[in-house]
C-alpha atoms as a PDB file:
ATOM      1  CA  MET A   1     -65.240  98.622  -9.337  1.00  0.00           C
ATOM      2  CA  ASN A   2     -68.827  99.309  -8.675  1.00  0.00           C
ATOM      3  CA  ASN A   3     -71.189  99.212 -11.545  1.00  0.00           C
ATOM      4  CA  THR A   4     -74.166 100.078  -9.820  1.00  0.00           C
ATOM      5  CA  PRO A   5     -76.645 101.179 -12.641  1.00  0.00           C
ATOM      6  CA  ILE A   6     -77.871 104.842 -12.415  1.00  0.00           C
ATOM      7  CA  ASP A   7     -81.879 104.731 -12.627  1.00  0.00           C
ATOM      8  CA  PHE A   8     -81.525 108.178 -14.740  1.00  0.00           C
ATOM      9  CA  VAL A   9     -78.973 110.115 -16.594  1.00  0.00           C
ATOM     10  CA  TRP A  10     -78.357 113.102 -19.216  1.00  0.00           C
ATOM     11  CA  THR A  11     -76.474 112.854 -21.730  1.00  0.00           C
ATOM     12  CA  ILE A  12     -75.053 116.077 -23.055  1.00  0.00           C
ATOM     13  CA  PRO A  13     -73.084 116.693 -26.382  1.00  0.00           C
ATOM     14  CA  ILE A  14     -70.093 118.842 -26.204  1.00  0.00           C
ATOM     15  CA  ALA A  15     -70.121 121.499 -28.936  1.00  0.00           C
ATOM     16  CA  PRO A  16     -66.624 122.676 -30.303  1.00  0.00           C
ATOM     17  CA  ALA A  17     -67.432 125.952 -29.071  1.00  0.00           C
ATOM     18  CA  ALA A  18     -66.753 124.460 -25.254  1.00  0.00           C
ATOM     19  CA  HIS A  19     -64.100 122.719 -26.558  1.00  0.00           C
ATOM     20  CA  HIS A  20     -62.406 126.135 -27.683  1.00  0.00           C
ATOM     21  CA  SER A  21     -62.998 127.837 -24.397  1.00  0.00           C
ATOM     22  CA  ALA A  22     -61.876 124.906 -22.446  1.00  0.00           C
ATOM     23  CA  GLN A  23     -58.485 125.283 -24.442  1.00  0.00           C
ATOM     24  CA  THR A  24     -58.399 128.778 -24.139  1.00  0.00           C
ATOM     25  CA  LEU A  25     -58.247 128.342 -20.143  1.00  0.00           C
ATOM     26  CA  SER A  26     -56.221 125.741 -20.144  1.00  0.00           C
ATOM     27  CA  GLN A  27     -53.721 127.665 -21.930  1.00  0.00           C
ATOM     28  CA  GLN A  28     -53.218 130.293 -19.186  1.00  0.00           C
ATOM     29  CA  GLN A  29     -51.737 127.625 -17.450  1.00  0.00           C
ATOM     30  CA  SER A  30     -48.097 126.891 -17.172  1.00  0.00           C
ATOM     31  CA  ASP A  31     -48.380 123.224 -15.360  1.00  0.00           C
ATOM     32  CA  SER A  32     -49.811 120.839 -17.568  1.00  0.00           C
ATOM     33  CA  LYS A  33     -51.569 118.741 -14.711  1.00  0.00           C
ATOM     34  CA  LYS A  34     -53.026 121.599 -13.780  1.00  0.00           C
ATOM     35  CA  ALA A  35     -54.081 122.967 -17.532  1.00  0.00           C
ATOM     36  CA  LYS A  36     -55.920 119.410 -18.071  1.00  0.00           C
ATOM     37  CA  GLN A  37     -58.106 119.901 -15.000  1.00  0.00           C
ATOM     38  CA  VAL A  38     -59.171 123.334 -16.064  1.00  0.00           C
ATOM     39  CA  TYR A  39     -59.852 121.835 -19.339  1.00  0.00           C
ATOM     40  CA  LEU A  40     -62.638 119.390 -17.784  1.00  0.00           C
ATOM     41  CA  ASN A  41     -63.470 121.562 -15.561  1.00  0.00           C
ATOM     42  CA  ALA A  42     -64.428 123.694 -18.004  1.00  0.00           C
ATOM     43  CA  LEU A  43     -66.142 121.614 -20.462  1.00  0.00           C
ATOM     44  CA  ALA A  44     -68.028 119.860 -17.125  1.00  0.00           C
ATOM     45  CA  VAL A  45     -69.521 123.181 -16.454  1.00  0.00           C
ATOM     46  CA  HIS A  46     -70.578 123.786 -20.331  1.00  0.00           C
ATOM     47  CA  ALA A  47     -71.898 120.547 -20.452  1.00  0.00           C
ATOM     48  CA  VAL A  48     -74.137 121.527 -16.891  1.00  0.00           C
ATOM     49  CA  ASP A  49     -75.024 125.037 -18.502  1.00  0.00           C
ATOM     50  CA  PHE A  50     -76.237 123.813 -21.709  1.00  0.00           C
ATOM     51  CA  TYR A  51     -78.588 121.463 -19.266  1.00  0.00           C
ATOM     52  CA  PHE A  52     -79.980 124.185 -17.484  1.00  0.00           C
ATOM     53  CA  GLN A  53     -80.616 126.067 -21.251  1.00  0.00           C
ATOM     54  CA  CYS A  54     -82.874 123.148 -22.352  1.00  0.00           C
ATOM     55  CA  MET A  55     -84.595 123.292 -19.067  1.00  0.00           C
ATOM     56  CA  GLU A  56     -85.112 127.245 -19.886  1.00  0.00           C
ATOM     57  CA  ILE A  57     -83.387 127.715 -16.432  1.00  0.00           C
ATOM     58  CA  GLU A  58     -81.768 131.042 -16.476  1.00  0.00           C
ATOM     59  CA  THR A  59     -77.559 130.857 -15.838  1.00  0.00           C
ATOM     60  CA  ASP A  60     -75.203 133.499 -15.507  1.00  0.00           C
ATOM     61  CA  LEU A  61     -71.966 131.459 -17.378  1.00  0.00           C
ATOM     62  CA  ALA A  62     -69.861 134.534 -17.122  1.00  0.00           C
ATOM     63  CA  ALA A  63     -69.645 134.520 -13.252  1.00  0.00           C
ATOM     64  CA  SER A  64     -68.460 131.444 -12.823  1.00  0.00           C
ATOM     65  CA  ASP A  65     -64.766 131.512 -11.613  1.00  0.00           C
ATOM     66  CA  ILE A  66     -63.697 129.161 -14.341  1.00  0.00           C
ATOM     67  CA  TRP A  67     -62.494 132.325 -15.951  1.00  0.00           C
ATOM     68  CA  ASN A  68     -60.132 133.683 -13.581  1.00  0.00           C
ATOM     69  CA  PRO A  69     -56.596 132.087 -14.345  1.00  0.00           C
ATOM     70  CA  VAL A  70     -55.512 133.297 -10.828  1.00  0.00           C
ATOM     71  CA  VAL A  71     -58.488 131.322  -8.835  1.00  0.00           C
ATOM     72  CA  GLN A  72     -57.660 128.580 -11.540  1.00  0.00           C
ATOM     73  CA  LYS A  73     -54.060 128.249 -10.648  1.00  0.00           C
ATOM     74  CA  PHE A  74     -54.697 127.932  -6.868  1.00  0.00           C
ATOM     75  CA  MET A  75     -57.888 125.806  -6.887  1.00  0.00           C
ATOM     76  CA  ASP A  76     -60.048 123.032  -7.803  1.00  0.00           C
ATOM     77  CA  VAL A  77     -63.244 125.692  -9.173  1.00  0.00           C
ATOM     78  CA  ALA A  78     -66.427 124.289 -11.609  1.00  0.00           C
ATOM     79  CA  ASP A  79     -68.947 126.626 -10.308  1.00  0.00           C
ATOM     80  CA  LEU A  80     -72.148 127.546 -12.299  1.00  0.00           C
ATOM     81  CA  ASP A  81     -74.335 130.505 -11.236  1.00  0.00           C
ATOM     82  CA  VAL A  82     -77.990 129.786 -11.585  1.00  0.00           C
ATOM     83  CA  LYS A  83     -79.686 133.447 -11.413  1.00  0.00           C
ATOM     84  CA  ASN A  84     -81.334 134.433  -8.433  1.00  0.00           C
ATOM     85  CA  ILE A  85     -80.759 131.163  -6.615  1.00  0.00           C
ATOM     86  CA  GLY A  86     -77.027 130.206  -6.289  1.00  0.00           C
ATOM     87  CA  LYS A  87     -74.412 128.177  -7.376  1.00  0.00           C
ATOM     88  CA  PHE A  88     -74.034 124.622  -8.509  1.00  0.00           C
ATOM     89  CA  GLU A  89     -70.666 122.767  -8.474  1.00  0.00           C
ATOM     90  CA  CYS A  90     -70.051 120.720 -11.453  1.00  0.00           C
ATOM     91  CA  ARG A  91     -67.497 117.926 -10.749  1.00  0.00           C
ATOM     92  CA  TRP A  92     -66.514 115.808 -13.866  1.00  0.00           C
ATOM     93  CA  MET A  93     -65.779 111.946 -13.423  1.00  0.00           C
ATOM     94  CA  ARG A  94     -64.086 109.733 -15.752  1.00  0.00           C
ATOM     95  CA  GLU A  95     -66.095 107.027 -17.202  1.00  0.00           C
ATOM     96  CA  GLY A  96     -66.783 104.272 -14.816  1.00  0.00           C
ATOM     97  CA  GLU A  97     -65.123 105.978 -11.458  1.00  0.00           C
ATOM     98  CA  ASP A  98     -67.588 105.310  -8.300  1.00  0.00           C
ATOM     99  CA  PHE A  99     -66.793 108.434  -6.723  1.00  0.00           C
ATOM    100  CA  VAL A 100     -67.211 112.252  -7.313  1.00  0.00           C
ATOM    101  CA  SER A 101     -64.391 114.123  -5.991  1.00  0.00           C
ATOM    102  CA  ILE A 102     -65.254 117.354  -3.776  1.00  0.00           C
ATOM    103  CA  PRO A 103     -62.468 119.876  -3.176  1.00  0.00           C
ATOM    104  CA  THR A 104     -62.379 121.000   0.102  1.00  0.00           C
ATOM    105  CA  GLU A 105     -62.338 124.568  -1.064  1.00  0.00           C
ATOM    106  CA  VAL A 106     -65.746 124.183  -2.786  1.00  0.00           C
ATOM    107  CA  ARG A 107     -67.819 122.784   0.365  1.00  0.00           C
ATOM    108  CA  SER A 108     -69.629 125.656   1.261  1.00  0.00           C
ATOM    109  CA  ASP A 109     -71.352 128.686  -0.575  1.00  0.00           C
ATOM    110  CA  ARG A 110     -72.784 126.067  -3.195  1.00  0.00           C
ATOM    111  CA  ILE A 111     -76.390 124.841  -3.632  1.00  0.00           C
ATOM    112  CA  GLY A 112     -75.422 121.266  -4.860  1.00  0.00           C
ATOM    113  CA  TYR A 113     -72.821 119.443  -6.453  1.00  0.00           C
ATOM    114  CA  ILE A 114     -73.655 117.829 -10.035  1.00  0.00           C
ATOM    115  CA  ALA A 115     -71.582 114.637 -10.938  1.00  0.00           C
ATOM    116  CA  VAL A 116     -70.492 115.057 -14.705  1.00  0.00           C
ATOM    117  CA  GLU A 117     -69.112 111.996 -16.538  1.00  0.00           C
ATOM    118  CA  ILE A 118     -67.310 112.800 -19.175  1.00  0.00           C
ATOM    119  CA  ALA A 119     -66.271 110.315 -22.029  1.00  0.00           C
ATOM    120  CA  GLN A 120     -63.058 109.173 -22.706  1.00  0.00           C
ATOM    121  CA  SER A 121     -63.310 110.932 -26.193  1.00  0.00           C
ATOM    122  CA  LEU A 122     -64.597 114.162 -24.686  1.00  0.00           C
ATOM    123  CA  LEU A 123     -67.344 114.105 -27.196  1.00  0.00           C
ATOM    124  CA  ASP A 124     -70.085 113.798 -24.657  1.00  0.00           C
ATOM    125  CA  ALA A 125     -71.304 114.091 -21.175  1.00  0.00           C
ATOM    126  CA  LYS A 126     -73.694 112.753 -18.882  1.00  0.00           C
ATOM    127  CA  LEU A 127     -75.104 114.012 -15.603  1.00  0.00           C
ATOM    128  CA  LEU A 128     -75.394 111.193 -13.556  1.00  0.00           C
ATOM    129  CA  GLY A 129     -76.925 113.043 -10.195  1.00  0.00           C
ATOM    130  CA  PHE A 130     -76.187 115.315  -7.592  1.00  0.00           C
ATOM    131  CA  VAL A 131     -75.903 116.206  -3.798  1.00  0.00           C
ATOM    132  CA  PRO A 132     -77.565 118.819  -2.043  1.00  0.00           C
ATOM    133  CA  THR A 133     -74.360 119.428   0.400  1.00  0.00           C
ATOM    134  CA  ALA A 134     -70.989 117.638   0.411  1.00  0.00           C
ATOM    135  CA  ASP A 135     -68.962 117.360   4.089  1.00  0.00           C
ATOM    136  CA  ARG A 136     -66.396 114.742   2.571  1.00  0.00           C
ATOM    137  CA  GLU A 137     -63.983 114.603  -0.321  1.00  0.00           C
ATOM    138  CA  GLN A 138     -65.121 111.764  -2.181  1.00  0.00           C
ATOM    139  CA  ILE A 139     -69.414 111.271  -2.500  1.00  0.00           C
ATOM    140  CA  PRO A 140     -70.271 107.667  -3.660  1.00  0.00           C
ATOM    141  CA  VAL A 141     -72.175 107.625  -7.534  1.00  0.00           C
ATOM    142  CA  THR A 142     -74.954 105.418  -5.514  1.00  0.00           C
ATOM    143  CA  GLU A 143     -75.549 108.314  -3.079  1.00  0.00           C
ATOM    144  CA  LEU A 144     -76.708 110.737  -5.902  1.00  0.00           C
ATOM    145  CA  LYS A 145     -79.888 111.641  -6.456  1.00  0.00           C
ATOM    146  CA  SER A 146     -81.351 111.306  -9.884  1.00  0.00           C
ATOM    147  CA  ILE A 147     -80.901 114.370 -11.988  1.00  0.00           C
ATOM    148  CA  ASP A 148     -84.427 114.091 -12.394  1.00  0.00           C
ATOM    149  CA  GLN A 149     -85.165 115.381  -8.964  1.00  0.00           C
ATOM    150  CA  LEU A 150     -83.025 118.578  -9.762  1.00  0.00           C
ATOM    151  CA  LEU A 151     -85.804 120.851 -10.860  1.00  0.00           C
ATOM    152  CA  ASP A 152     -87.997 119.947  -7.698  1.00  0.00           C
ATOM    153  CA  TYR A 153     -85.010 120.460  -5.836  1.00  0.00           C
ATOM    154  CA  LEU A 154     -84.135 123.972  -7.477  1.00  0.00           C
ATOM    155  CA  ASP A 155     -87.993 125.097  -6.853  1.00  0.00           C
ATOM    156  CA  GLY A 156     -87.149 124.581  -3.044  1.00  0.00           C
ATOM    157  CA  LEU A 157     -84.361 126.957  -3.258  1.00  0.00           C
ATOM    158  CA  LYS A 158     -85.876 129.916  -4.818  1.00  0.00           C
ATOM    159  CA  PRO A 159     -85.974 132.978  -2.301  1.00  0.00           C
ATOM    160  CA  VAL A 160     -88.766 133.241   0.108  1.00  0.00           C
ATOM    161  CA  ASN A 161     -91.307 135.681  -0.911  1.00  0.00           C
ATOM    162  CA  LEU A 162     -91.807 138.046   2.447  1.00  0.00           C
ATOM    163  CA  SER A 163     -94.047 139.752   0.638  1.00  0.00           C
ATOM    164  CA  GLN A 164     -96.434 137.198   0.449  1.00  0.00           C
ATOM    165  CA  TRP A 165     -96.221 136.923   4.087  1.00  0.00           C
ATOM    166  CA  LEU A 166     -98.153 139.981   4.717  1.00  0.00           C
ATOM    167  CA  GLN A 167    -100.745 138.474   2.895  1.00  0.00           C
ATOM    168  CA  ASN A 168    -100.592 135.211   5.173  1.00  0.00           C
ATOM    169  CA  VAL A 169     -99.133 132.963   2.873  1.00  0.00           C
ATOM    170  CA  PHE A 170     -96.124 131.713   4.164  1.00  0.00           C
ATOM    171  CA  ASP A 171     -93.309 129.313   2.448  1.00  0.00           C
ATOM    172  CA  THR A 172     -92.900 125.697   3.623  1.00  0.00           C
ATOM    173  CA  GLY A 173     -91.052 125.317   6.298  1.00  0.00           C
ATOM    174  CA  TRP A 174     -91.594 128.367   8.195  1.00  0.00           C
ATOM    175  CA  GLN A 175     -93.501 128.248  10.861  1.00  0.00           C
ATOM    176  CA  THR A 176     -94.735 130.435  13.942  1.00  0.00           C
ATOM    177  CA  ALA A 177     -93.057 130.734  17.033  1.00  0.00           C
ATOM    178  CA  GLN A 178     -96.014 129.169  19.206  1.00  0.00           C
ATOM    179  CA  THR A 179     -95.297 125.749  17.053  1.00  0.00           C
ATOM    180  CA  LEU A 180     -91.586 125.888  16.897  1.00  0.00           C
ATOM    181  CA  PHE A 181     -92.031 126.179  20.884  1.00  0.00           C
ATOM    182  CA  GLU A 182     -94.308 123.189  21.290  1.00  0.00           C
ATOM    183  CA  SER A 183     -91.316 120.964  20.380  1.00  0.00           C
ATOM    184  CA  LYS A 184     -88.822 122.907  20.953  1.00  0.00           C
ATOM    185  CA  PRO A 185     -89.298 124.411  24.675  1.00  0.00           C
ATOM    186  CA  GLU A 186     -85.940 125.360  25.780  1.00  0.00           C
ATOM    187  CA  LEU A 187     -86.626 128.004  22.813  1.00  0.00           C
ATOM    188  CA  GLN A 188     -89.189 129.905  24.993  1.00  0.00           C
ATOM    189  CA  PHE A 189     -87.024 131.246  27.538  1.00  0.00           C
ATOM    190  CA  ALA A 190     -84.165 132.912  25.115  1.00  0.00           C
ATOM    191  CA  PHE A 191     -87.329 134.266  22.940  1.00  0.00           C
ATOM    192  CA  ARG A 192     -88.913 136.531  25.376  1.00  0.00           C
ATOM    193  CA  SER A 193     -85.906 139.340  26.176  1.00  0.00           C
ATOM    194  CA  PRO A 194     -84.645 140.414  22.437  1.00  0.00           C
ATOM    195  CA  GLN A 195     -81.225 141.844  22.643  1.00  0.00           C
ATOM    196  CA  VAL A 196     -79.977 144.002  19.775  1.00  0.00           C
ATOM    197  CA  LEU A 197     -76.170 143.260  18.663  1.00  0.00           C
ATOM    198  CA  ALA A 198     -76.423 145.139  15.380  1.00  0.00           C
ATOM    199  CA  SER A 199     -78.933 147.508  14.380  1.00  0.00           C
ATOM    200  CA  HIS A 200     -79.423 149.152  10.735  1.00  0.00           C
ATOM    201  CA  ALA A 201     -82.982 150.860  11.656  1.00  0.00           C
ATOM    202  CA  SER A 202     -85.215 151.475  14.037  1.00  0.00           C
ATOM    203  CA  ILE A 203     -87.995 148.905  14.637  1.00  0.00           C
ATOM    204  CA  SER A 204     -91.102 148.279  16.259  1.00  0.00           C
ATOM    205  CA  LYS A 205     -90.869 145.725  19.470  1.00  0.00           C
ATOM    206  CA  THR A 206     -94.053 144.034  18.383  1.00  0.00           C
ATOM    207  CA  LEU A 207     -93.804 142.843  14.848  1.00  0.00           C
ATOM    208  CA  PRO A 208     -97.048 141.524  12.976  1.00  0.00           C
ATOM    209  CA  VAL A 209     -95.890 139.065  11.003  1.00  0.00           C
ATOM    210  CA  LYS A 210     -92.487 136.374  12.287  1.00  0.00           C
ATOM    211  CA  ARG A 211     -92.043 133.036  11.073  1.00  0.00           C
ATOM    212  CA  GLY A 212     -89.120 130.952  11.875  1.00  0.00           C
ATOM    213  CA  LYS A 213     -87.398 127.416  11.028  1.00  0.00           C
ATOM    214  CA  LEU A 214     -84.679 125.565  12.500  1.00  0.00           C
ATOM    215  CA  LEU A 215     -81.297 125.017  10.821  1.00  0.00           C
ATOM    216  CA  ASN A 216     -78.788 122.243  11.144  1.00  0.00           C
ATOM    217  CA  LEU A 217     -75.468 123.574  11.144  1.00  0.00           C
ATOM    218  CA  GLU A 218     -73.740 120.179  10.495  1.00  0.00           C
ATOM    219  CA  ARG A 219     -70.992 120.314  12.853  1.00  0.00           C
ATOM    220  CA  GLY A 220     -71.847 117.597  15.414  1.00  0.00           C
ATOM    221  CA  LYS A 221     -75.648 118.310  16.645  1.00  0.00           C
ATOM    222  CA  GLU A 222     -74.833 122.164  16.109  1.00  0.00           C
ATOM    223  CA  GLN A 223     -78.726 123.579  15.600  1.00  0.00           C
ATOM    224  CA  VAL A 224     -80.143 127.116  15.640  1.00  0.00           C
ATOM    225  CA  ALA A 225     -83.827 128.784  15.187  1.00  0.00           C
ATOM    226  CA  LEU A 226     -84.100 131.649  12.634  1.00  0.00           C
ATOM    227  CA  PHE A 227     -86.500 134.087  13.190  1.00  0.00           C
ATOM    228  CA  VAL A 228     -87.428 136.473  10.650  1.00  0.00           C
ATOM    229  CA  GLY A 229     -90.281 139.335  10.975  1.00  0.00           C
ATOM    230  CA  LEU A 230     -91.525 141.597   9.184  1.00  0.00           C
ATOM    231  CA  MET A 231     -93.700 145.245   9.954  1.00  0.00           C
ATOM    232  CA  THR A 232     -95.227 147.476   7.176  1.00  0.00           C
ATOM    233  CA  THR A 233     -94.621 151.433   7.519  1.00  0.00           C
ATOM    234  CA  ASP A 234     -96.310 154.891   6.191  1.00  0.00           C
ATOM    235  CA  GLU A 235     -93.102 154.652   3.770  1.00  0.00           C
ATOM    236  CA  PRO A 236     -92.670 152.124   0.951  1.00  0.00           C
ATOM    237  CA  ASP A 237     -89.598 150.568   3.269  1.00  0.00           C
ATOM    238  CA  ILE A 238     -90.760 147.327   5.150  1.00  0.00           C
ATOM    239  CA  ASP A 239     -88.976 146.711   8.699  1.00  0.00           C
ATOM    240  CA  ILE A 240     -87.387 143.872   8.924  1.00  0.00           C
ATOM    241  CA  SER A 241     -85.895 141.556  12.102  1.00  0.00           C
ATOM    242  CA  ILE A 242     -83.426 138.181  11.933  1.00  0.00           C
ATOM    243  CA  GLU A 243     -83.217 136.758  14.591  1.00  0.00           C
ATOM    244  CA  VAL A 244     -81.200 133.299  15.931  1.00  0.00           C
ATOM    245  CA  TYR A 245     -81.435 131.204  18.877  1.00  0.00           C
ATOM    246  CA  PRO A 246     -79.890 128.241  20.406  1.00  0.00           C
ATOM    247  CA  THR A 247     -81.956 125.061  20.460  1.00  0.00           C
ATOM    248  CA  ASN A 248     -81.213 121.155  22.044  1.00  0.00           C
ATOM    249  CA  GLY A 249     -81.344 122.536  25.735  1.00  0.00           C
ATOM    250  CA  GLN A 250     -78.191 124.823  24.677  1.00  0.00           C
ATOM    251  CA  THR A 251     -78.304 128.478  26.581  1.00  0.00           C
ATOM    252  CA  ASN A 252     -75.848 130.037  24.241  1.00  0.00           C
ATOM    253  CA  LEU A 253     -75.013 130.001  20.615  1.00  0.00           C
ATOM    254  CA  PRO A 254     -71.633 128.330  19.204  1.00  0.00           C
ATOM    255  CA  SER A 255     -68.863 131.044  20.135  1.00  0.00           C
ATOM    256  CA  ASP A 256     -67.986 130.823  16.206  1.00  0.00           C
ATOM    257  CA  LEU A 257     -71.292 131.067  14.746  1.00  0.00           C
ATOM    258  CA  GLN A 258     -71.059 134.238  12.220  1.00  0.00           C
ATOM    259  CA  LEU A 259     -74.538 136.003  11.305  1.00  0.00           C
ATOM    260  CA  MET A 260     -74.446 137.690   7.906  1.00  0.00           C
ATOM    261  CA  VAL A 261     -76.913 139.776   5.857  1.00  0.00           C
ATOM    262  CA  ILE A 262     -75.913 140.116   2.021  1.00  0.00           C
ATOM    263  CA  ASP A 263     -77.645 142.301  -0.133  1.00  0.00           C
ATOM    264  CA  GLY A 264     -78.863 141.836  -3.800  1.00  0.00           C
ATOM    265  CA  GLY A 265     -75.793 142.410  -5.022  1.00  0.00           C
ATOM    266  CA  GLY A 266     -73.369 140.149  -2.926  1.00  0.00           C
ATOM    267  CA  GLU A 267     -72.289 142.821  -0.398  1.00  0.00           C
ATOM    268  CA  THR A 268     -72.255 141.785   3.336  1.00  0.00           C
ATOM    269  CA  VAL A 269     -73.977 144.874   4.524  1.00  0.00           C
ATOM    270  CA  MET A 270     -74.544 143.339   8.141  1.00  0.00           C
ATOM    271  CA  GLN A 271     -72.322 140.926  10.610  1.00  0.00           C
ATOM    272  CA  ALA A 272     -71.872 139.722  13.813  1.00  0.00           C
ATOM    273  CA  LYS A 273     -69.986 136.811  15.270  1.00  0.00           C
ATOM    274  CA  ALA A 274     -72.045 135.350  18.294  1.00  0.00           C
ATOM    275  CA  ASN A 275     -69.105 134.541  21.123  1.00  0.00           C
ATOM    276  CA  LYS A 276     -71.291 132.708  23.170  1.00  0.00           C
ATOM    277  CA  THR A 277     -74.168 134.697  23.506  1.00  0.00           C
ATOM    278  CA  GLU A 278     -77.634 134.074  24.105  1.00  0.00           C
ATOM    279  CA  LYS A 279     -78.810 135.532  20.591  1.00  0.00           C
ATOM    280  CA  LEU A 280     -77.992 137.363  17.501  1.00  0.00           C
ATOM    281  CA  ILE A 281     -80.562 140.038  16.179  1.00  0.00           C
ATOM    282  CA  PHE A 282     -80.186 142.067  13.557  1.00  0.00           C
ATOM    283  CA  GLU A 283     -83.068 145.192  12.018  1.00  0.00           C
ATOM    284  CA  LEU A 284     -82.930 146.421   8.881  1.00  0.00           C
ATOM    285  CA  LYS A 285     -85.352 147.966   6.303  1.00  0.00           C
ATOM    286  CA  ALA A 286     -85.754 146.902   2.842  1.00  0.00           C
ATOM    287  CA  GLU A 287     -87.904 148.211  -0.418  1.00  0.00           C
ATOM    288  CA  PRO A 288     -90.383 146.206  -2.399  1.00  0.00           C
ATOM    289  CA  GLY A 289     -88.280 144.337  -5.210  1.00  0.00           C
ATOM    290  CA  GLU A 290     -85.319 144.133  -2.665  1.00  0.00           C
ATOM    291  CA  ASN A 291     -83.497 140.671  -2.410  1.00  0.00           C
ATOM    292  CA  PHE A 292     -80.918 139.868   0.115  1.00  0.00           C
ATOM    293  CA  SER A 293     -79.748 136.980   2.304  1.00  0.00           C
ATOM    294  CA  ILE A 294     -79.055 135.635   5.743  1.00  0.00           C
ATOM    295  CA  LYS A 295     -75.900 133.676   5.871  1.00  0.00           C
ATOM    296  CA  LEU A 296     -75.071 131.385   9.210  1.00  0.00           C
ATOM    297  CA  ALA A 297     -71.394 130.315   9.182  1.00  0.00           C
ATOM    298  CA  LEU A 298     -69.730 127.929  11.588  1.00  0.00           C
ATOM    299  CA  ASP A 299     -66.759 126.782  10.761  1.00  0.00           C
ATOM    300  CA  ASP A 300     -66.092 126.123   7.067  1.00  0.00           C
ATOM    301  CA  PHE A 301     -70.111 125.024   7.035  1.00  0.00           C
ATOM    302  CA  SER A 302     -72.481 127.859   5.808  1.00  0.00           C
ATOM    303  CA  ILE A 303     -75.918 127.871   4.856  1.00  0.00           C
ATOM    304  CA  THR A 304     -77.891 130.773   3.400  1.00  0.00           C
ATOM    305  CA  GLU A 305     -81.584 131.463   3.051  1.00  0.00           C
ATOM    306  CA  LYS A 306     -82.863 134.170   0.076  1.00  0.00           C
ATOM    307  CA  PHE A 307     -85.227 136.547   0.583  1.00  0.00           C
ATOM    308  CA  ALA A 308     -87.042 138.754  -2.219  1.00  0.00           C
ATOM    309  CA  ILE A 309     -89.495 141.536  -1.135  1.00  0.00           C
END
């Protein structure tokens, strides 16, 4: 057993109320092994929720799938929603274990995975660390990021404020097309002739503000360029364009790549599949105060960018 010390951990007392909640959930399962799993999942979620409350980070405990007995029966899920940011997966571990188990069903649509070591007495839990993504069944404890980096990581996940773009204030990582083209000349040809594959509202062909970033899709060396463009109108609405292009010398996007636009309520309002096309482009309108997300999915991997107007 590898007893490599962890630089920084948070020890969380497990309150009687958390045990009562976990017991209520576990009693809804007829299989004893599944009941134990649900019990420990619930304790892990309550421990992480307690930590976020201490850090004054707003969560939505009621939105967790731990409360759904049908989901728990067929899946191994321990999610906790951080409001306006996304869901963490809270993975419990036994004392002294060297690996965090990440079930297949939770390896996407998560903003991170927090390792929660639950004491044998079940009286307290330790937050050992976290990883932003998980691409395999077991993650060594030695690969966890320290829990004291979690708040900085959350700051980087806050929605991109598009209203600030109109004031020439841009979020880190979003660059002009020219800047991206300097290092990725193969983008230039594809970027010159846009083609609308799905349309929500008409929009001017010339957008005064446009920024892009490169996204790694973690299947081999798959990578795409995502561009978001804005233009104000006479109405309160803002016209928005969303464009995705291939990179790394590829002339077409991966055939099974999917582009989705998700509204603030979590509903998919626009969706298209690449089918080896040269690009994907959406056009839509949004009002100040609205939130939306852009999701790119490839096989069982997905990446989501959140935006606020």
